Amino acid sequence: MPKLPARLAEQQKRRELNNLLQELRRSGSIDNRGTRAQPQWLPAETDSDEDSP
């Protein structure tokens, strides 16, 4: 996890990453397409049918 500050311990880096993923998930920006054991975080698909008349 080289993008996180070096002053953070490994456990703090993991917690920060989990918090960021949770924030993105709650905002609807990403979806977990994998399992709990092997998550696959992908951009959320927008429903393009709502835009068509």
C-alpha atoms as a PDB file:
ATOM      1  CA  MET A   1       0.000   0.000   0.000  1.00  0.00           C
ATOM      2  CA  PRO A   2       2.558   2.574  -1.127  1.00  0.00           C
ATOM      3  CA  LYS A   3       0.058   5.415  -1.668  1.00  0.00           C
ATOM      4  CA  LEU A   4      -0.866   5.638   2.021  1.00  0.00           C
ATOM      5  CA  PRO A   5       1.325   7.645   4.422  1.00  0.00           C
ATOM      6  CA  ALA A   6       4.400   5.812   5.720  1.00  0.00           C
ATOM      7  CA  ARG A   7       3.704   7.044   9.247  1.00  0.00           C
ATOM      8  CA  LEU A   8       0.698   4.706   9.479  1.00  0.00           C
ATOM      9  CA  ALA A   9       1.128   1.186  10.797  1.00  0.00           C
ATOM     10  CA  GLU A  10       0.067  -1.703   8.550  1.00  0.00           C
ATOM     11  CA  GLN A  11      -3.173  -2.198  10.492  1.00  0.00           C
ATOM     12  CA  GLN A  12      -3.996   1.513  10.203  1.00  0.00           C
ATOM     13  CA  LYS A  13      -3.408   1.380   6.445  1.00  0.00           C
ATOM     14  CA  ARG A  14      -5.779  -1.585   6.107  1.00  0.00           C
ATOM     15  CA  ARG A  15      -8.426   0.205   8.172  1.00  0.00           C
ATOM     16  CA  GLU A  16      -8.068   3.363   6.049  1.00  0.00           C
ATOM     17  CA  LEU A  17      -8.446   1.334   2.861  1.00  0.00           C
ATOM     18  CA  ASN A  18     -11.544  -0.418   4.261  1.00  0.00           C
ATOM     19  CA  ASN A  19     -13.032   2.945   5.231  1.00  0.00           C
ATOM     20  CA  LEU A  20     -12.444   4.345   1.740  1.00  0.00           C
ATOM     21  CA  LEU A  21     -14.020   1.280   0.086  1.00  0.00           C
ATOM     22  CA  GLN A  22     -17.002   1.487   2.429  1.00  0.00           C
ATOM     23  CA  GLU A  23     -17.502   5.183   1.644  1.00  0.00           C
ATOM     24  CA  LEU A  24     -17.402   4.505  -2.110  1.00  0.00           C
ATOM     25  CA  ARG A  25     -19.817   1.571  -1.733  1.00  0.00           C
ATOM     26  CA  ARG A  26     -22.307   3.598   0.307  1.00  0.00           C
ATOM     27  CA  SER A  27     -22.209   6.452  -2.203  1.00  0.00           C
ATOM     28  CA  GLY A  28     -23.007   3.989  -5.001  1.00  0.00           C
ATOM     29  CA  SER A  29     -19.721   4.494  -6.842  1.00  0.00           C
ATOM     30  CA  ILE A  30     -18.554   0.878  -6.597  1.00  0.00           C
ATOM     31  CA  ASP A  31     -20.078  -2.597  -6.210  1.00  0.00           C
ATOM     32  CA  ASN A  32     -18.562  -5.792  -4.853  1.00  0.00           C
ATOM     33  CA  ARG A  33     -18.996  -8.423  -7.579  1.00  0.00           C
ATOM     34  CA  GLY A  34     -16.974 -11.050  -5.721  1.00  0.00           C
ATOM     35  CA  THR A  35     -17.448 -12.826  -2.440  1.00  0.00           C
ATOM     36  CA  ARG A  36     -16.660 -11.697   1.072  1.00  0.00           C
ATOM     37  CA  ALA A  37     -13.506 -13.798   1.025  1.00  0.00           C
ATOM     38  CA  GLN A  38     -12.432 -12.607  -2.442  1.00  0.00           C
ATOM     39  CA  PRO A  39     -14.018  -9.223  -3.179  1.00  0.00           C
ATOM     40  CA  GLN A  40     -13.918  -7.699  -6.639  1.00  0.00           C
ATOM     41  CA  TRP A  41     -14.622  -3.986  -6.376  1.00  0.00           C
ATOM     42  CA  LEU A  42     -15.832  -2.618  -9.712  1.00  0.00           C
ATOM     43  CA  PRO A  43     -17.375   0.691 -10.758  1.00  0.00           C
ATOM     44  CA  ALA A  44     -21.139   0.648 -10.258  1.00  0.00           C
ATOM     45  CA  GLU A  45     -23.153   0.240 -13.408  1.00  0.00           C
ATOM     46  CA  THR A  46     -25.586   3.035 -14.097  1.00  0.00           C
ATOM     47  CA  ASP A  47     -29.038   2.187 -15.345  1.00  0.00           C
ATOM     48  CA  SER A  48     -29.061   3.720 -18.866  1.00  0.00           C
ATOM     49  CA  ASP A  49     -32.733   2.693 -19.400  1.00  0.00           C
ATOM     50  CA  GLU A  50     -33.880   5.601 -17.226  1.00  0.00           C
ATOM     51  CA  ASP A  51     -32.416   8.138 -19.671  1.00  0.00           C
ATOM     52  CA  SER A  52     -34.279   6.867 -22.737  1.00  0.00           C
ATOM     53  CA  PRO A  53     -37.760   8.233 -23.524  1.00  0.00           C
END
